[in-house]
Every structure is written in C-alpha cells, then in structure tokens.
Amino acid sequence: MIWTIVKREMLEYLKSAKFLIGLAITLVLITFSTIININDFKQRHQDYLNAQQEMKSDSFRVQVYRPPQVLSILIQGYDRKLGNRIELTYLNIPAQPSGYMGQLTSQHHRYLAGFSAVDFAFVVRVVLSLMVIFLAYNAISEEKTHGTLKLMLANRLPRDQLLLGKFIGGLFVVMGSLVISTIVSLLIILFNPAISLASSDWARILGLLGISALYLICFYTLSLFISVVVSRPSIALLVLLQLWIFLIIIYPNLSVLAAENLYNLPSEQVIEKRKETAFQPYNEEFTRVTRAFHDAVEKGDVPNELALRNVELWSIKAEKNYEVDREFGNCLSHQMNLAQTLSILSPAVLYDQAENRLARTGMAEFERFMDGVYRHWQKLVEWQKLRRIDIEAYRKTKLLDFAYPSETTAYGFVTTMPQWVILFLFSLILFTLAYTAFLRKDVR
C-alpha cells in the first residue's frame, strides 16, 4: 500500500507545472553559474601563476601568495574576498592580504548573512528550498480541501502509511532534483580541460551533496508539517513563505546586528595604543640602536653586532604589531562566531557554515594561510639574522618556498559534524511533529 502512495505522489509531482518550472530554473541557473564561476576561477588561477612569475622575491622582500580553491567554482564563500598576496620583510608582517598585484585590499568584514554570489550553494539554499516549499505546501491541506483525504482514510488506509508514503514520494522528487543539478554542474566542470579535481575534492563534493540533501529535507519536513497543521493550501503557502524569509534572510541578519552590538570591536586609536604599549620596553634601545645603525651606514662601516641587533629590534616591533593585529582578527572571529551561534536555528546559516568548511572557502582555511604566513616570516627573520652572523652561510642557504598545510578532508568532515547533526535533528523533530499532528487531525 505504501509504495502505491509513493508512486502516486511522485507522478503527481513530476507532472505538476510548479515542479517543471522549478527544475528548469534550477538547471538554467546551475549551468550559467558554473560556467561563469569556472571562468572566474581560471582567471584567478592564472593571476596566481603570473604573480609568482612576475613578482620575484629579493633578499629583503618576500612575496607569498594564496592559491584559489578549485571548489570555489561550486561554493565561492570567502575565497575571492579576503585577498591573496602578502609582502613580508623583517620590518613588517601585514595582517591583511591584498590582491595579487597589490590591489583589491581585503576588508575587515568577517561575516555577512545574505546572498553574495550565485553558485551551487545559492541554487540549493534559495531556488531548491523554495521549490521544495511550493511542492509540499499542499501535500495534506489540498487533499483535505478537495475531500480526497477523508475518502482515502475511509478505506481503512492507516494514517501513518499515508503520511509516510507522501513523505517518501516527495523526498524522491526533491533528492532527484538535487542530484540532477549536481550532475549537470559536475559534467560542466569535468568537460573543462583546465579544471582538475583531486580525490579529496571528490570526497568533499560528496559531503557538499550530503549536507545539501539534509538542508532540503529540513525544509521539506517543515512544509509537510505546516501542510498538516494548516487546512487551507493558500494559507499554508503564505505561512511557509514567511517562515522562509525569516529563516533565510531576517533572522541571520538580525543575529549579525545583535553580535555587532553585543561584542564591540576596538577602535583604530585603541589598536595603535596597544601597539605602542606592547613595544614600550624596547623603545629606548630601539631609538638608540636605529640612530647608531644609520650613522654607521653613512660612514660605510656597520659592525655585525649592531646590524644583528637592529634586525632583532625591528623584528620584535613587527611581531608585537602583528600580535595586536591578530588579536583584533580574533575579535572579528569571536564576533562572527557569536553571530553564527545566535542564528543557530537557521538552516541556511548551518548550511553555509558546513559548505564553506567542506569547500575550503571559509574563514578557517584563510586563518590557516595566515598562520603559514607568520611561520614563514619567522624563517625570514632567522635568515636575515644569519646574514649578519655568517655571510658565507647566508649565501649558501636559501629561504624555502612558502607553503602552508591545507585542512585535511577528514578533519573538514569532523568539524562540520555539529551542522550535520543539528540539521538532521531539525528534520527529525519536524517530521515527528507532522506525524503526531496528522494522527490527531480532523479530516472531516
């Protein structure tokens, strides 16, 4: 009996105009967004290669670059917003990258709830979730309005089997739409010879597909619950659209505003004061050594001890400034985490957190890059010190190329586990509520 209901529901959905229109819009958006994002990634990757070739580092300035993530084709996240080039000297460690050629300086904004790019994530988060609502809003309510619900239950059809059949039938259609969209996007990527996916990328893509499925199931169970509770289809659709707007747009942005007011960031004047305070114990010696170093340079005879101490003091100053800047960066991260915690009941926020982590286009990967920059700067300082200690050893030694360890796939899945669990619990709770409400529903 249950599979008869499943087949009936699937056929009704597949023949409906709302499904065909929704699927057509989804495929058009997926096709064009994937093509556009592939071209964008190719250009950014070429800029990365050109920058490495054209902007060679010398013994004083060292250039480091952050490569674009290939999965930004599907999930752009913050990959193209946070800068990708840093110029290091023992005098300075920039706390923010700029563009590859020194432009497009990154901004301080760490978190913004909204639609910032059209990509696979956008299609799932907005288009498919709306399609799910339009498919399921009348799953039960329309049956009651037309009187067919009363007739079906009059034939001794168990209520639980009817609801479960409708749930499974609609779920097959929703998941089929998601899988078709994913396949279309992946085929466009695979047929582009300039794009190469590693085995770890495929594992992450499966993760993106899984979290997308959970996200859509969450909205499907919500729609089913509202369809059970609200008897009139038009009212059910209105309620669901209002809930969608609140959960996707209003609630996350209210959480951002609340976090900005609850967690205040230090002003630029406060940051500068902290830098001065941090370096205060070295100020007197720094002034004396710097003056003596400049005098020695003018005379053409710089003692190695003086040159070494000059490098040490400048590097201490740079490190102290960097520590204050990183502290400010940590404040930004705390503010972002607070906003995400306050908006934890939004499926869209949970989905964004998981997808950005799995695609390596979130803040976590950027912070790993910045940690790698700091470790590379420490090596640069030691190399510059060696120049003042043993010039022959310095000439024989070369500074290693910059590299930083990307997050492993396994760790990416582990860190997103809370989002998986919460989305699953949301779906389970909503289905349980729909099931309980339907068992008690008056079908007359």
Protein backbone atom coordinates (compact mmCIF):
# COMPACT_ATOMS: atom_id res chain seq x y z
CA MET A 1 0.00 0.00 0.00
CA ILE A 2 2.70 2.47 0.99
CA TRP A 3 4.58 2.09 -2.30
CA THR A 4 1.36 2.72 -4.23
CA ILE A 5 1.09 6.05 -2.43
CA VAL A 6 4.78 6.77 -3.13
CA LYS A 7 4.32 6.18 -6.86
CA ARG A 8 1.15 8.30 -6.92
CA GLU A 9 2.88 11.20 -5.17
CA MET A 10 5.92 11.01 -7.43
CA LEU A 11 3.79 11.04 -10.58
CA GLU A 12 1.75 13.98 -9.34
CA TYR A 13 4.85 15.97 -8.52
CA LEU A 14 6.62 15.11 -11.78
CA LYS A 15 3.59 16.15 -13.86
CA SER A 16 2.99 19.39 -11.97
CA ALA A 17 3.85 22.71 -13.61
CA LYS A 18 5.44 24.04 -10.42
CA PHE A 19 7.97 21.19 -10.42
CA LEU A 20 8.82 21.56 -14.10
CA ILE A 21 9.22 25.32 -13.81
CA GLY A 22 11.32 24.98 -10.65
CA LEU A 23 13.57 22.33 -12.20
CA ALA A 24 14.00 24.39 -15.37
CA ILE A 25 15.01 27.49 -13.37
CA THR A 26 17.39 25.38 -11.30
CA LEU A 27 19.13 23.84 -14.31
CA VAL A 28 19.46 27.19 -16.08
CA LEU A 29 20.99 28.82 -13.00
CA ILE A 30 23.27 25.86 -12.34
CA THR A 31 24.52 25.83 -15.93
CA PHE A 32 25.24 29.54 -16.24
CA SER A 33 26.64 29.97 -12.71
CA THR A 34 29.01 27.01 -13.12
CA ILE A 35 30.30 28.30 -16.45
CA ILE A 36 30.78 31.81 -15.06
CA ASN A 37 32.49 30.55 -11.91
CA ILE A 38 34.80 28.28 -13.92
CA ASN A 39 35.95 31.26 -15.98
CA ASP A 40 36.38 33.29 -12.79
CA PHE A 41 38.46 30.53 -11.20
CA LYS A 42 40.62 30.14 -14.32
CA GLN A 43 41.32 33.88 -14.34
CA ARG A 44 42.19 33.93 -10.64
CA HIS A 45 44.41 30.88 -11.02
CA GLN A 46 46.19 32.48 -13.98
CA ASP A 47 46.65 35.65 -11.93
CA TYR A 48 48.18 33.49 -9.20
CA LEU A 49 50.62 31.87 -11.64
CA ASN A 50 51.51 35.23 -13.23
CA ALA A 51 52.10 36.80 -9.85
CA GLN A 52 54.51 34.03 -8.88
CA GLN A 53 56.46 34.51 -12.09
CA GLU A 54 56.46 38.29 -12.36
CA MET A 55 56.83 39.37 -8.74
CA LYS A 56 60.02 37.63 -7.73
CA SER A 57 61.14 37.98 -4.13
CA ASP A 58 64.53 39.50 -3.30
CA SER A 59 66.72 39.16 -0.22
CA PHE A 60 64.74 41.84 1.61
CA ARG A 61 61.14 41.50 0.40
CA VAL A 62 59.43 38.14 0.19
CA GLN A 63 56.15 37.67 -1.67
CA VAL A 64 53.71 34.97 -0.61
CA TYR A 65 50.50 34.08 -2.42
CA ARG A 66 47.30 32.24 -1.54
CA PRO A 67 46.10 30.00 -4.39
CA PRO A 68 42.38 29.96 -5.25
CA GLN A 69 40.44 26.88 -4.17
CA VAL A 70 39.11 24.76 -7.02
CA LEU A 71 35.84 24.06 -5.17
CA SER A 72 35.14 27.79 -5.14
CA ILE A 73 33.57 27.01 -8.53
CA LEU A 74 30.73 25.42 -6.54
CA ILE A 75 30.99 27.28 -3.23
CA GLN A 76 32.56 30.71 -3.52
CA GLY A 77 32.37 31.53 0.16
CA TYR A 78 35.13 33.99 1.11
CA ASP A 79 37.71 32.64 -1.34
CA ARG A 80 37.77 35.69 -3.62
CA LYS A 81 37.05 38.33 -0.97
CA LEU A 82 39.84 38.12 1.58
CA GLY A 83 42.92 38.91 -0.51
CA ASN A 84 45.67 36.62 -1.72
CA ARG A 85 49.05 38.37 -1.63
CA ILE A 86 51.31 39.41 1.25
CA GLU A 87 54.71 41.10 1.08
CA LEU A 88 56.96 40.24 4.02
CA THR A 89 60.08 41.89 5.40
CA TYR A 90 61.67 41.56 8.80
CA LEU A 91 60.32 45.08 9.38
CA ASN A 92 56.67 44.18 8.90
CA ILE A 93 54.12 41.36 8.81
CA PRO A 94 50.88 42.59 7.19
CA ALA A 95 47.80 41.30 8.99
CA GLN A 96 45.72 41.51 5.79
CA PRO A 97 46.47 40.32 2.26
CA SER A 98 45.88 42.44 -0.81
CA GLY A 99 45.24 41.42 -4.41
CA TYR A 100 47.88 39.53 -6.39
CA MET A 101 49.15 42.74 -7.94
CA GLY A 102 48.78 44.85 -4.80
CA GLN A 103 45.19 45.98 -5.33
CA LEU A 104 41.77 44.89 -4.12
CA THR A 105 42.75 45.05 -0.48
CA SER A 106 40.65 42.74 1.65
CA GLN A 107 38.10 44.14 4.06
CA HIS A 108 37.66 43.54 7.78
CA HIS A 109 34.15 42.11 7.41
CA ARG A 110 34.25 38.50 8.53
CA TYR A 111 30.57 37.61 8.38
CA LEU A 112 27.51 38.76 6.48
CA ALA A 113 24.26 36.88 6.23
CA GLY A 114 22.87 37.18 2.73
CA PHE A 115 23.30 36.29 -0.92
CA SER A 116 26.76 37.32 -2.05
CA ALA A 117 27.30 35.03 -5.05
CA VAL A 118 25.39 32.87 -7.50
CA ASP A 119 26.84 29.39 -7.27
CA PHE A 120 25.79 25.83 -6.45
CA ALA A 121 25.23 26.79 -2.81
CA PHE A 122 22.98 29.69 -3.80
CA VAL A 123 20.87 27.45 -6.03
CA VAL A 124 20.39 24.93 -3.22
CA ARG A 125 19.93 27.48 -0.45
CA VAL A 126 17.42 29.64 -2.33
CA VAL A 127 15.99 28.10 -5.51
CA LEU A 128 15.67 24.45 -4.48
CA SER A 129 14.46 25.28 -0.98
CA LEU A 130 11.70 27.44 -2.50
CA MET A 131 10.85 24.67 -4.95
CA VAL A 132 10.52 22.27 -2.02
CA ILE A 133 8.07 24.64 -0.34
CA PHE A 134 5.97 25.02 -3.49
CA LEU A 135 5.90 21.24 -3.94
CA ALA A 136 4.94 20.25 -0.40
CA TYR A 137 2.83 23.12 0.94
CA ASN A 138 -0.41 21.41 -0.19
CA ALA A 139 0.60 17.79 0.34
CA ILE A 140 -2.08 17.31 3.03
CA SER A 141 -4.03 20.55 3.06
CA GLU A 142 -5.19 20.25 -0.55
CA GLU A 143 -6.26 16.65 -0.02
CA LYS A 144 -8.50 17.82 2.82
CA THR A 145 -9.86 20.79 0.88
CA HIS A 146 -10.88 18.56 -2.04
CA GLY A 147 -12.28 15.86 0.26
CA THR A 148 -9.94 13.15 -1.02
CA LEU A 149 -8.22 12.83 2.35
CA LYS A 150 -11.48 11.79 4.01
CA LEU A 151 -12.18 9.26 1.24
CA MET A 152 -8.72 7.68 1.44
CA LEU A 153 -8.90 7.26 5.19
CA ALA A 154 -12.45 5.90 4.93
CA ASN A 155 -10.96 2.89 3.11
CA ARG A 156 -9.09 1.84 6.25
CA LEU A 157 -5.83 3.24 4.96
CA PRO A 158 -3.58 3.74 8.01
CA ARG A 159 -2.75 7.38 8.57
CA ASP A 160 0.90 6.68 9.24
CA GLN A 161 1.27 4.85 5.92
CA LEU A 162 -0.42 7.70 4.06
CA LEU A 163 1.85 10.34 5.58
CA LEU A 164 4.96 8.18 5.16
CA GLY A 165 4.07 7.47 1.54
CA LYS A 166 3.64 11.16 0.80
CA PHE A 167 6.93 11.92 2.59
CA ILE A 168 8.92 9.29 0.68
CA GLY A 169 7.36 10.17 -2.67
CA GLY A 170 8.10 13.87 -2.30
CA LEU A 171 11.55 13.12 -0.94
CA PHE A 172 12.46 11.10 -4.04
CA VAL A 173 11.47 14.03 -6.24
CA VAL A 174 13.39 16.58 -4.14
CA MET A 175 16.53 14.44 -3.96
CA GLY A 176 16.26 13.68 -7.67
CA SER A 177 16.23 17.40 -8.44
CA LEU A 178 19.29 17.91 -6.26
CA VAL A 179 21.18 15.01 -7.85
CA ILE A 180 20.35 16.17 -11.38
CA SER A 181 21.55 19.70 -10.57
CA THR A 182 24.77 18.33 -9.09
CA ILE A 183 25.43 16.07 -12.08
CA VAL A 184 24.91 18.95 -14.51
CA SER A 185 27.35 21.13 -12.59
CA LEU A 186 29.96 18.37 -12.33
CA LEU A 187 29.69 17.48 -16.03
CA ILE A 188 30.41 21.10 -16.96
CA ILE A 189 33.45 21.03 -14.68
CA LEU A 190 34.70 17.67 -15.96
CA PHE A 191 34.44 18.69 -19.61
CA ASN A 192 36.62 21.72 -18.97
CA PRO A 193 40.25 20.63 -19.50
CA ALA A 194 41.61 23.47 -17.36
CA ILE A 195 39.94 22.14 -14.20
CA SER A 196 41.39 19.18 -12.35
CA LEU A 197 39.76 17.60 -9.30
CA ALA A 198 41.76 15.52 -6.82
CA SER A 199 40.36 12.51 -4.98
CA SER A 200 39.97 14.61 -1.83
CA ASP A 201 37.90 17.10 -3.85
CA TRP A 202 35.51 14.32 -4.87
CA ALA A 203 35.10 13.32 -1.23
CA ARG A 204 34.31 16.91 -0.35
CA ILE A 205 31.82 17.15 -3.21
CA LEU A 206 30.02 14.11 -1.80
CA GLY A 207 29.97 15.93 1.53
CA LEU A 208 28.50 19.02 -0.14
CA LEU A 209 25.82 16.85 -1.75
CA GLY A 210 25.02 15.23 1.61
CA ILE A 211 24.71 18.49 3.55
CA SER A 212 22.61 19.94 0.71
CA ALA A 213 20.27 16.96 0.96
CA LEU A 214 19.88 17.44 4.72
CA TYR A 215 19.17 21.14 4.21
CA LEU A 216 16.41 20.44 1.68
CA ILE A 217 14.93 17.67 3.84
CA CYS A 218 14.69 20.18 6.65
CA PHE A 219 12.53 22.47 4.52
CA TYR A 220 10.56 19.54 3.14
CA THR A 221 9.60 18.31 6.63
CA LEU A 222 8.77 21.89 7.64
CA SER A 223 6.46 22.20 4.62
CA LEU A 224 4.85 18.85 5.39
CA PHE A 225 4.23 19.90 9.00
CA ILE A 226 2.63 23.21 8.00
CA SER A 227 0.51 21.40 5.39
CA VAL A 228 -0.80 19.10 8.12
CA VAL A 229 -1.48 21.87 10.64
CA VAL A 230 -2.99 24.44 8.24
CA SER A 231 -6.04 23.18 6.38
CA ARG A 232 -6.16 25.78 3.59
CA PRO A 233 -3.39 25.47 0.95
CA SER A 234 -3.17 29.21 0.29
CA ILE A 235 -2.69 29.96 3.98
CA ALA A 236 -0.12 27.15 4.28
CA LEU A 237 1.88 28.60 1.38
CA LEU A 238 1.73 32.08 2.89
CA VAL A 239 2.95 30.81 6.26
CA LEU A 240 5.79 28.85 4.67
CA LEU A 241 6.98 31.78 2.57
CA GLN A 242 7.02 33.99 5.64
CA LEU A 243 8.96 31.36 7.56
CA TRP A 244 11.40 31.01 4.64
CA ILE A 245 12.04 34.76 4.53
CA PHE A 246 12.52 34.85 8.29
CA LEU A 247 14.85 31.82 8.48
CA ILE A 248 16.91 32.66 5.39
CA ILE A 249 17.14 36.46 5.49
CA ILE A 250 15.71 38.25 8.52
CA TYR A 251 16.85 36.03 11.39
CA PRO A 252 20.50 35.60 10.26
CA ASN A 253 20.91 39.34 9.65
CA LEU A 254 19.30 40.19 12.98
CA SER A 255 21.86 37.87 14.57
CA VAL A 256 24.67 39.74 12.82
CA LEU A 257 23.35 43.08 14.11
CA ALA A 258 22.97 41.66 17.61
CA ALA A 259 26.53 40.28 17.58
CA GLU A 260 27.91 43.64 16.42
CA ASN A 261 26.17 45.36 19.34
CA LEU A 262 26.90 42.71 21.95
CA TYR A 263 30.57 42.29 21.03
CA ASN A 264 32.20 45.66 20.40
CA LEU A 265 35.43 45.84 18.39
CA PRO A 266 38.33 48.07 19.48
CA SER A 267 38.80 51.31 17.54
CA GLU A 268 41.87 52.14 15.43
CA GLN A 269 43.08 54.50 18.16
CA VAL A 270 42.88 51.71 20.73
CA ILE A 271 44.76 49.33 18.43
CA GLU A 272 47.56 51.86 17.85
CA LYS A 273 47.79 52.48 21.58
CA ARG A 274 48.10 48.75 22.23
CA LYS A 275 50.92 48.53 19.69
CA GLU A 276 52.78 51.36 21.40
CA THR A 277 52.29 49.77 24.81
CA ALA A 278 53.44 46.35 23.61
CA PHE A 279 56.73 47.78 22.28
CA GLN A 280 57.29 50.24 25.13
CA PRO A 281 60.01 48.14 26.92
CA TYR A 282 62.15 48.25 23.76
CA ASN A 283 61.54 51.86 22.74
CA GLU A 284 64.65 53.40 24.28
CA GLU A 285 67.00 50.74 22.95
CA PHE A 286 65.27 50.79 19.58
CA THR A 287 65.80 54.55 19.20
CA ARG A 288 69.46 54.29 20.24
CA VAL A 289 70.28 51.29 18.01
CA THR A 290 68.42 52.71 15.00
CA ARG A 291 70.30 56.01 15.24
CA ALA A 292 73.64 54.22 15.63
CA PHE A 293 72.84 51.94 12.68
CA HIS A 294 72.04 54.88 10.37
CA ASP A 295 75.23 56.66 11.44
CA ALA A 296 77.24 53.52 10.74
CA VAL A 297 75.62 53.13 7.30
CA GLU A 298 76.56 56.72 6.42
CA LYS A 299 80.16 56.03 7.45
CA GLY A 300 80.17 52.81 5.41
CA ASP A 301 81.18 50.57 8.31
CA VAL A 302 78.39 48.68 10.08
CA PRO A 303 79.52 46.29 12.83
CA ASN A 304 77.87 42.88 12.63
CA GLU A 305 76.70 43.09 16.24
CA LEU A 306 74.94 46.39 15.57
CA ALA A 307 73.37 45.14 12.34
CA LEU A 308 72.18 41.97 14.10
CA ARG A 309 70.62 43.90 16.98
CA ASN A 310 68.95 46.26 14.52
CA VAL A 311 67.29 43.29 12.77
CA GLU A 312 66.27 41.80 16.12
CA LEU A 313 64.63 45.00 17.36
CA TRP A 314 62.82 45.67 14.11
CA SER A 315 61.55 42.09 14.02
CA ILE A 316 60.40 42.38 17.64
CA LYS A 317 58.49 45.54 16.75
CA ALA A 318 56.94 43.86 13.71
CA GLU A 319 55.95 40.84 15.79
CA LYS A 320 54.40 42.96 18.54
CA ASN A 321 52.36 44.89 15.96
CA TYR A 322 51.32 41.66 14.32
CA GLU A 323 50.20 40.19 17.66
CA VAL A 324 47.93 43.19 18.23
CA ASP A 325 46.57 42.90 14.68
CA ARG A 326 45.93 39.20 15.17
CA GLU A 327 44.20 39.95 18.45
CA PHE A 328 41.89 42.25 16.50
CA GLY A 329 41.40 39.45 13.97
CA ASN A 330 40.46 37.14 16.83
CA CYS A 331 37.91 39.72 17.96
CA LEU A 332 36.41 39.66 14.48
CA SER A 333 36.29 35.87 14.62
CA HIS A 334 34.62 35.95 18.04
CA GLN A 335 32.04 38.38 16.70
CA MET A 336 31.43 36.11 13.71
CA ASN A 337 31.12 33.04 15.96
CA LEU A 338 28.65 34.89 18.19
CA ALA A 339 26.53 35.81 15.16
CA GLN A 340 26.54 32.20 13.99
CA THR A 341 25.67 30.95 17.47
CA LEU A 342 22.76 33.38 17.75
CA SER A 343 21.47 32.24 14.35
CA ILE A 344 21.90 28.53 15.03
CA LEU A 345 18.17 27.91 14.44
CA SER A 346 18.51 29.00 10.81
CA PRO A 347 19.08 26.04 8.46
CA ALA A 348 20.69 28.44 5.96
CA VAL A 349 23.36 29.52 8.43
CA LEU A 350 24.15 25.92 9.35
CA TYR A 351 24.32 25.06 5.66
CA ASP A 352 26.64 28.00 4.91
CA GLN A 353 29.00 27.03 7.73
CA ALA A 354 29.26 23.42 6.57
CA GLU A 355 29.57 24.11 2.84
CA ASN A 356 32.29 26.76 3.28
CA ARG A 357 34.29 24.43 5.51
CA LEU A 358 33.95 21.46 3.17
CA ALA A 359 34.88 23.53 0.10
CA ARG A 360 37.83 25.17 1.93
CA THR A 361 36.42 28.59 1.09
CA GLY A 362 35.62 29.71 4.63
CA MET A 363 37.50 31.64 7.28
CA ALA A 364 39.14 28.50 8.66
CA GLU A 365 41.24 28.00 5.51
CA PHE A 366 42.14 31.69 5.40
CA GLU A 367 43.34 31.58 9.00
CA ARG A 368 45.47 28.52 8.20
CA PHE A 369 47.04 30.55 5.40
CA MET A 370 47.76 33.44 7.80
CA ASP A 371 49.34 31.05 10.31
CA GLY A 372 51.55 29.77 7.50
CA VAL A 373 52.50 33.37 6.65
CA TYR A 374 53.60 34.01 10.23
CA ARG A 375 55.74 30.86 10.33
CA HIS A 376 57.31 31.86 7.00
CA TRP A 377 58.08 35.32 8.39
CA GLN A 378 59.88 33.72 11.35
CA LYS A 379 62.08 31.80 8.90
CA LEU A 380 62.74 35.04 7.00
CA VAL A 381 63.89 36.76 10.21
CA GLU A 382 66.26 33.90 11.07
CA TRP A 383 67.63 34.05 7.51
CA GLN A 384 68.23 37.80 7.82
CA LYS A 385 69.97 37.27 11.17
CA LEU A 386 72.23 34.69 9.57
CA ARG A 387 73.35 37.36 7.10
CA ARG A 388 74.74 39.41 9.99
CA ILE A 389 76.27 36.42 11.77
CA ASP A 390 77.86 34.39 8.95
CA ILE A 391 77.72 35.86 5.46
CA GLU A 392 79.11 32.72 3.81
CA ALA A 393 76.49 30.51 5.44
CA TYR A 394 73.83 33.04 4.42
CA ARG A 395 74.91 32.89 0.77
CA LYS A 396 74.81 29.09 0.80
CA THR A 397 71.38 29.00 2.43
CA LYS A 398 68.15 29.84 0.62
CA LEU A 399 64.82 30.67 2.12
CA LEU A 400 62.41 27.82 1.49
CA ASP A 401 59.40 28.44 -0.73
CA PHE A 402 56.23 29.41 1.06
CA ALA A 403 53.79 26.62 1.81
CA TYR A 404 51.05 26.03 4.32
CA PRO A 405 49.13 22.82 5.13
CA SER A 406 45.54 22.84 3.93
CA GLU A 407 42.88 21.28 6.08
CA THR A 408 42.53 17.54 5.57
CA THR A 409 39.29 16.14 4.24
CA ALA A 410 38.73 14.01 7.34
CA TYR A 411 39.14 17.00 9.63
CA GLY A 412 36.79 19.02 7.45
CA PHE A 413 34.06 16.41 7.94
CA VAL A 414 34.72 16.21 11.68
CA THR A 415 34.45 19.98 12.18
CA THR A 416 31.16 20.14 10.26
CA MET A 417 29.60 17.30 12.23
CA PRO A 418 27.63 19.67 14.54
CA GLN A 419 25.91 21.21 11.49
CA TRP A 420 25.06 17.75 10.14
CA VAL A 421 23.62 16.68 13.49
CA ILE A 422 21.56 19.84 14.02
CA LEU A 423 20.07 19.77 10.52
CA PHE A 424 19.23 16.08 11.00
CA LEU A 425 17.59 16.81 14.37
CA PHE A 426 15.59 19.66 12.84
CA SER A 427 14.30 17.31 10.15
CA LEU A 428 13.53 14.55 12.66
CA ILE A 429 11.70 16.91 15.02
CA LEU A 430 9.65 18.47 12.23
CA PHE A 431 8.71 15.08 10.80
CA THR A 432 7.73 13.86 14.28
CA LEU A 433 5.56 16.94 14.76
CA ALA A 434 3.94 16.40 11.35
CA TYR A 435 3.37 12.72 12.12
CA THR A 436 1.84 13.43 15.54
CA ALA A 437 -0.35 16.24 14.21
CA PHE A 438 -1.59 14.09 11.33
CA LEU A 439 -2.57 11.21 13.62
CA ARG A 440 -4.78 13.62 15.58
CA LYS A 441 -6.00 15.62 12.60
CA ASP A 442 -9.73 16.00 11.97
CA VAL A 443 -10.14 15.07 8.30
CA ARG A 444 -13.84 15.97 8.07
